[in-house]
N, C-alpha and C. Protein backbone atom coordinates (compact mmCIF):
# COMPACT_ATOMS: atom_id res chain seq x y z
N UNK A 1 19.15 3.72 -0.44
CA UNK A 1 17.82 4.02 -0.92
C UNK A 1 16.94 4.37 0.28
N UNK A 2 16.16 5.42 0.17
CA UNK A 2 15.27 5.84 1.24
C UNK A 2 13.95 5.10 1.15
N UNK A 3 13.51 4.61 2.30
CA UNK A 3 12.24 3.91 2.43
C UNK A 3 11.60 4.30 3.76
N UNK A 4 10.33 3.90 3.95
CA UNK A 4 9.66 4.13 5.23
C UNK A 4 9.96 2.96 6.16
N UNK A 5 10.37 3.29 7.40
CA UNK A 5 10.64 2.29 8.42
C UNK A 5 10.02 2.75 9.73
N UNK A 6 9.62 1.78 10.57
CA UNK A 6 9.15 2.07 11.91
C UNK A 6 10.32 1.95 12.88
N UNK A 7 10.38 2.88 13.83
CA UNK A 7 11.41 2.86 14.86
C UNK A 7 10.73 2.89 16.22
N UNK A 8 11.32 2.19 17.19
CA UNK A 8 10.74 2.12 18.53
C UNK A 8 11.84 2.39 19.56
N UNK A 9 11.52 3.27 20.53
CA UNK A 9 12.47 3.57 21.59
C UNK A 9 12.13 2.74 22.83
N UNK A 10 12.96 2.85 23.89
CA UNK A 10 12.72 2.05 25.10
C UNK A 10 11.49 2.52 25.88
N UNK A 11 10.96 3.70 25.56
CA UNK A 11 9.70 4.17 26.16
C UNK A 11 8.49 3.70 25.35
N UNK A 12 8.72 2.82 24.39
CA UNK A 12 7.67 2.23 23.52
C UNK A 12 6.99 3.23 22.60
N UNK A 13 7.66 4.34 22.31
CA UNK A 13 7.14 5.25 21.29
C UNK A 13 7.50 4.67 19.93
N UNK A 14 6.54 4.59 19.05
CA UNK A 14 6.78 4.08 17.70
C UNK A 14 6.57 5.22 16.73
N UNK A 15 7.53 5.41 15.85
CA UNK A 15 7.39 6.46 14.84
C UNK A 15 7.86 5.94 13.50
N UNK A 16 7.32 6.53 12.46
CA UNK A 16 7.69 6.13 11.11
C UNK A 16 8.60 7.21 10.53
N UNK A 17 9.64 6.75 9.84
CA UNK A 17 10.59 7.69 9.23
C UNK A 17 10.86 7.28 7.79
N UNK A 18 11.03 8.26 6.93
CA UNK A 18 11.49 8.05 5.56
C UNK A 18 12.99 8.26 5.63
N UNK A 19 13.72 7.14 5.59
CA UNK A 19 15.15 7.19 5.91
C UNK A 19 15.90 6.15 5.09
N UNK A 20 17.21 6.32 4.98
CA UNK A 20 18.04 5.37 4.23
C UNK A 20 17.93 3.98 4.86
N UNK A 21 17.85 2.95 4.02
CA UNK A 21 17.63 1.60 4.53
C UNK A 21 18.82 1.03 5.30
N UNK A 22 19.98 1.66 5.23
CA UNK A 22 21.15 1.17 5.96
C UNK A 22 21.17 1.66 7.41
N UNK A 23 20.34 2.63 7.76
CA UNK A 23 20.32 3.19 9.11
C UNK A 23 19.49 2.29 10.02
N UNK A 24 20.09 1.89 11.16
CA UNK A 24 19.44 0.98 12.10
C UNK A 24 18.88 1.70 13.33
N UNK A 25 19.43 2.85 13.70
CA UNK A 25 18.95 3.59 14.87
C UNK A 25 18.82 5.07 14.51
N UNK A 26 17.92 5.72 15.22
CA UNK A 26 17.71 7.16 15.08
C UNK A 26 17.18 7.67 16.40
N UNK A 27 16.99 8.95 16.56
CA UNK A 27 16.43 9.45 17.82
C UNK A 27 14.91 9.46 17.75
N UNK A 28 14.28 9.18 18.88
CA UNK A 28 12.82 9.16 18.97
C UNK A 28 12.28 10.57 18.77
N UNK A 29 11.22 10.68 17.99
CA UNK A 29 10.61 11.99 17.73
C UNK A 29 9.95 12.57 18.98
N UNK A 30 9.52 11.68 19.92
CA UNK A 30 8.79 12.15 21.09
C UNK A 30 9.68 12.46 22.29
N UNK A 31 10.65 11.56 22.58
CA UNK A 31 11.46 11.74 23.78
C UNK A 31 12.95 11.92 23.53
N UNK A 32 13.40 11.71 22.31
CA UNK A 32 14.79 11.91 21.98
C UNK A 32 15.72 10.74 22.27
N UNK A 33 15.21 9.68 22.90
CA UNK A 33 16.04 8.50 23.18
C UNK A 33 16.34 7.77 21.88
N UNK A 34 17.37 6.91 21.88
CA UNK A 34 17.65 6.13 20.68
C UNK A 34 16.48 5.21 20.33
N UNK A 35 16.13 5.17 19.08
CA UNK A 35 15.04 4.31 18.60
C UNK A 35 15.62 3.33 17.59
N UNK A 36 15.22 2.07 17.71
CA UNK A 36 15.75 1.00 16.88
C UNK A 36 14.75 0.63 15.79
N UNK A 37 15.26 0.34 14.61
CA UNK A 37 14.41 -0.05 13.48
C UNK A 37 13.67 -1.33 13.82
N UNK A 38 12.37 -1.33 13.55
CA UNK A 38 11.53 -2.51 13.83
C UNK A 38 11.24 -3.26 12.53
N UNK A 39 11.03 -4.54 12.68
CA UNK A 39 10.55 -5.34 11.56
C UNK A 39 9.04 -5.16 11.55
N UNK A 40 8.51 -4.59 10.50
CA UNK A 40 7.08 -4.28 10.43
C UNK A 40 6.39 -5.19 9.43
N UNK A 41 5.10 -5.41 9.65
CA UNK A 41 4.32 -6.19 8.71
C UNK A 41 4.04 -5.35 7.48
N UNK A 42 3.99 -5.96 6.32
CA UNK A 42 3.68 -5.21 5.10
C UNK A 42 2.26 -4.62 5.18
N UNK A 43 2.10 -3.49 4.55
CA UNK A 43 0.80 -2.81 4.58
C UNK A 43 0.07 -2.94 3.26
N UNK A 44 0.20 -4.09 2.64
CA UNK A 44 -0.53 -4.33 1.41
C UNK A 44 -1.49 -5.48 1.63
N UNK A 45 -2.49 -5.53 0.83
CA UNK A 45 -3.48 -6.60 0.93
C UNK A 45 -3.74 -7.10 -0.48
N UNK A 46 -3.53 -8.40 -0.68
CA UNK A 46 -3.77 -8.99 -1.98
C UNK A 46 -5.07 -9.75 -1.97
N UNK A 47 -5.74 -9.78 -3.10
CA UNK A 47 -6.97 -10.53 -3.25
C UNK A 47 -6.64 -12.01 -3.14
N UNK A 48 -7.43 -12.76 -2.40
CA UNK A 48 -7.11 -14.14 -2.07
C UNK A 48 -7.06 -15.13 -3.21
N UNK A 49 -7.84 -14.96 -4.25
CA UNK A 49 -7.90 -15.94 -5.32
C UNK A 49 -6.85 -15.68 -6.39
N UNK A 50 -6.79 -14.46 -6.89
CA UNK A 50 -5.89 -14.16 -8.00
C UNK A 50 -4.53 -13.64 -7.54
N UNK A 51 -4.46 -13.12 -6.32
CA UNK A 51 -3.22 -12.53 -5.86
C UNK A 51 -3.05 -11.09 -6.31
N UNK A 52 -4.06 -10.56 -6.97
CA UNK A 52 -4.01 -9.17 -7.43
C UNK A 52 -4.42 -8.24 -6.28
N UNK A 53 -4.14 -6.97 -6.46
CA UNK A 53 -4.60 -6.01 -5.48
C UNK A 53 -6.13 -5.94 -5.57
N UNK A 54 -6.82 -5.76 -4.43
CA UNK A 54 -8.29 -5.79 -4.43
C UNK A 54 -8.93 -4.87 -5.45
N UNK A 55 -8.40 -3.69 -5.61
CA UNK A 55 -8.98 -2.73 -6.55
C UNK A 55 -8.83 -3.15 -7.99
N UNK A 56 -7.84 -3.98 -8.30
CA UNK A 56 -7.60 -4.39 -9.69
C UNK A 56 -8.75 -5.23 -10.21
N UNK A 57 -9.23 -6.17 -9.42
CA UNK A 57 -10.35 -7.01 -9.85
C UNK A 57 -11.62 -6.17 -10.01
N UNK A 58 -11.85 -5.27 -9.06
CA UNK A 58 -13.03 -4.40 -9.14
C UNK A 58 -12.96 -3.50 -10.37
N UNK A 59 -11.77 -2.97 -10.65
CA UNK A 59 -11.60 -2.11 -11.82
C UNK A 59 -11.86 -2.89 -13.10
N UNK A 60 -11.38 -4.13 -13.17
CA UNK A 60 -11.60 -4.94 -14.36
C UNK A 60 -13.09 -5.17 -14.58
N UNK A 61 -13.82 -5.50 -13.53
CA UNK A 61 -15.26 -5.74 -13.64
C UNK A 61 -15.97 -4.47 -14.11
N UNK A 62 -15.60 -3.33 -13.54
CA UNK A 62 -16.22 -2.06 -13.92
C UNK A 62 -15.91 -1.72 -15.38
N UNK A 63 -14.64 -1.85 -15.77
CA UNK A 63 -14.26 -1.55 -17.15
C UNK A 63 -14.95 -2.48 -18.13
N UNK A 64 -15.06 -3.75 -17.78
CA UNK A 64 -15.72 -4.73 -18.65
C UNK A 64 -17.20 -4.40 -18.82
N UNK A 65 -17.86 -4.03 -17.72
CA UNK A 65 -19.29 -3.67 -17.79
C UNK A 65 -19.49 -2.44 -18.68
N UNK A 66 -18.60 -1.45 -18.56
CA UNK A 66 -18.70 -0.26 -19.39
C UNK A 66 -18.49 -0.60 -20.86
N UNK A 67 -17.53 -1.49 -21.14
CA UNK A 67 -17.27 -1.89 -22.52
C UNK A 67 -18.46 -2.63 -23.11
N UNK A 68 -19.06 -3.54 -22.33
CA UNK A 68 -20.24 -4.26 -22.82
C UNK A 68 -21.40 -3.31 -23.08
N UNK A 69 -21.59 -2.35 -22.19
CA UNK A 69 -22.66 -1.37 -22.35
C UNK A 69 -22.44 -0.56 -23.63
N UNK A 70 -21.20 -0.14 -23.87
CA UNK A 70 -20.86 0.61 -25.07
C UNK A 70 -21.12 -0.22 -26.33
N UNK A 71 -20.69 -1.48 -26.30
CA UNK A 71 -20.88 -2.36 -27.46
C UNK A 71 -22.36 -2.61 -27.73
N UNK A 72 -23.16 -2.80 -26.68
CA UNK A 72 -24.59 -3.02 -26.86
C UNK A 72 -25.24 -1.77 -27.45
N UNK A 73 -24.84 -0.61 -26.98
CA UNK A 73 -25.40 0.64 -27.50
C UNK A 73 -25.02 0.81 -28.97
N UNK A 74 -23.78 0.54 -29.31
CA UNK A 74 -23.32 0.66 -30.68
C UNK A 74 -24.04 -0.34 -31.60
N UNK A 75 -24.21 -1.57 -31.12
CA UNK A 75 -24.90 -2.59 -31.91
C UNK A 75 -26.37 -2.24 -32.12
N UNK A 76 -27.02 -1.62 -31.15
CA UNK A 76 -28.43 -1.25 -31.30
C UNK A 76 -28.58 -0.10 -32.28
N UNK A 77 -27.56 0.74 -32.41
CA UNK A 77 -27.62 1.84 -33.36
C UNK A 77 -27.39 1.34 -34.79
N UNK A 78 -26.67 0.22 -34.92
CA UNK A 78 -26.38 -0.34 -36.24
C UNK A 78 -27.61 -1.01 -36.85
N UNK A 79 -28.58 -1.36 -36.00
CA UNK A 79 -29.77 -2.05 -36.52
C UNK A 79 -30.67 -1.08 -37.21
C-alpha cells in the first residue's frame, strides 16, 4: 500500500515520498545519497475534550445554530 513517508539522508536532507510502505530506503531528492525512512509524528490534531477533529465540533455548532434559526423562523411564520 502506498503512503506518505519522510526519508532522511546522511546530509540531513529530509524529503517526503508517496511510496510503498514496505520500502525502507530510497535515493535523496537533493543529493542522490541513500535516504532512510524516518519515524514521523502524526500530522493530525484532535480536540482535547471529545477527541474529535477540531473542525467537527465547530461544524456541529454552526449547523445547530442554523437549524435553530430555521426553526425559529418557521415557528414565527406559523403564528
